[in-house]
Amino acid sequence: MSRLDGRERWAYLGLAYTLLTASMIAAALMDGGGPSTLSRLAELITSWLAGLGGSATTGASPGVSALPPWPVLAAAAAVWTAPIAFLHPRRDARRGLVVAHYLILIVLAGALAATSPAFVVFASIGYPLAIAMLPARLVMAGVTLTAVVSVAAQAGPGDHVTLLTVTAGVAVPLVLAGWYVSAEHDKRRRLVERLRAAMAENADLHGRLLDQARQAGVLDERHRVAGEIHDTVAQDLVAVIGQIDAAGRATQDTARSRHLDQAAQLARRGLAEARRSVQALRPEPLEHARLPEALGRMAASWSRVSGVHLAYEVTGTPVALSADVETTLFRVAQEALANVAKHANASRAALTLSYIDELLLLDIRDDGAGFAPQKPADGFGLDGMRQRVRGVGGTLEIESEPGHGTAIAAAVPAIPAQGMINETMTSGKGDG
């Protein structure tokens, strides 16, 4: 029980006794004056004491027989009012007992009001008690019942028709309206509870989704770093090892020096690319050139280092694309050519970049040993290329068979660079 309930129950009990006391004083004053009523009460007590002493006289005295009936009813009402302090904090747990107590209290109040109009004041305790103690759907019924009892107690013998009209025309509609309003209130309360439960469930789901998003972000970053390391450090290390091996096999000092210089250049480039990959920056060739020029330089460097003839071609009208698209195609071409150098044992290769409407195509072909694409691969290269292309909404197809070379085709949407988008939007507004 809360402190508020503890205070309220005594407040309602005190209010009930205050109204009852005020009604009794008013009834005594209205009943021929205060002294006559008090004298009759004193005579009643004297007769009762005389009866206990064995000196009772036959027949009641005129003062006792003329005593009004309300003192006995008032005493009963005073006793019946006392449980309010007990029932108020238990009004939700013992609703049936509370309703029964309320009804009997209203009946006693009505009986008192019938004996003396002064007790209409006490009958008004039914209004606050109905609101404070009755269930929500019975509050209006309790208020209406209190009003009907107060009116009925004061109705004369010829007022029964009017009383029936008031009861049927006012009381019943009020009770029905109160029941309907309370039912709607209960529906809204249940709806609010369901909404709160749904919000709590959504909050829990939101937390789980955030956790999954964080985990997915960690996995994506791991894949990105792994792909960047594979495309830069691993490939450059392989090339460095190849140049060092070639330098060891060289018989002339000039050839040995050339291979060592290329190995040092590759090592520096690999270190720079590794740093850029960790910082999630674009490949260095794309920082100062567009995609066709960056691929051309990379193809020339690859052909010179690998010793494989590479035909490079650009078709269509080159346009500036988003950084993600250009980085993806550059890394795919880099990985594909690295695979040709390491595994294909090819003599010729071709790299074609095609701008076709809203698509950008990248084709890498070689006449090397080929492989079986359906067999699972141990390395990260092919899977890394597929993930990169899917990341920008594109597709990657691989055609190869042992002894007949390999063809890799990547198709990605030609997403324009942010600057071109802003320029297009600005020109569109100007045209409008």
Foldseek 3Di string as FASTA:
>chain_A
DDVVLLVVLVVLLVLLVVLLVQLVVVQCCVPVHNVLQVVLVVLVVVQVVCVVVVNHDPDDDPSPVPHQPLVVLSVVLNVLSVCSSVQLVVLPVCVVVLVVSLVVNLVSLLVNCLRPVSSLSSLVSQLVCLVRRHPQLCSQLSVLSSVLSNVVSPDDPPCPVVSVCCCVVPNVVSSVVSNVVSVVVVVVVVVVVVVVVVVVVVVVVVVVVVVVVVVVVVVVLVLQLVLLCVLAVVLLVVLLVVLCVQLVVDPDPVSNVVSNVVSVVSVVLSVVSNVCSVVVHARPLVVPDALLVSLVVVVVVLCVSLVAAEAEEEEDDDAAFARLVSSLLSSLVSLVSSCCSPPFPFRYKYWYWYDDPFKIKIKIWTQGQWDDVVDDDPDCRVVSSQVSLVVQPKGKDKDTHGRGTIMIMIMHTRHHYPVVVVVVVVVVVVVD
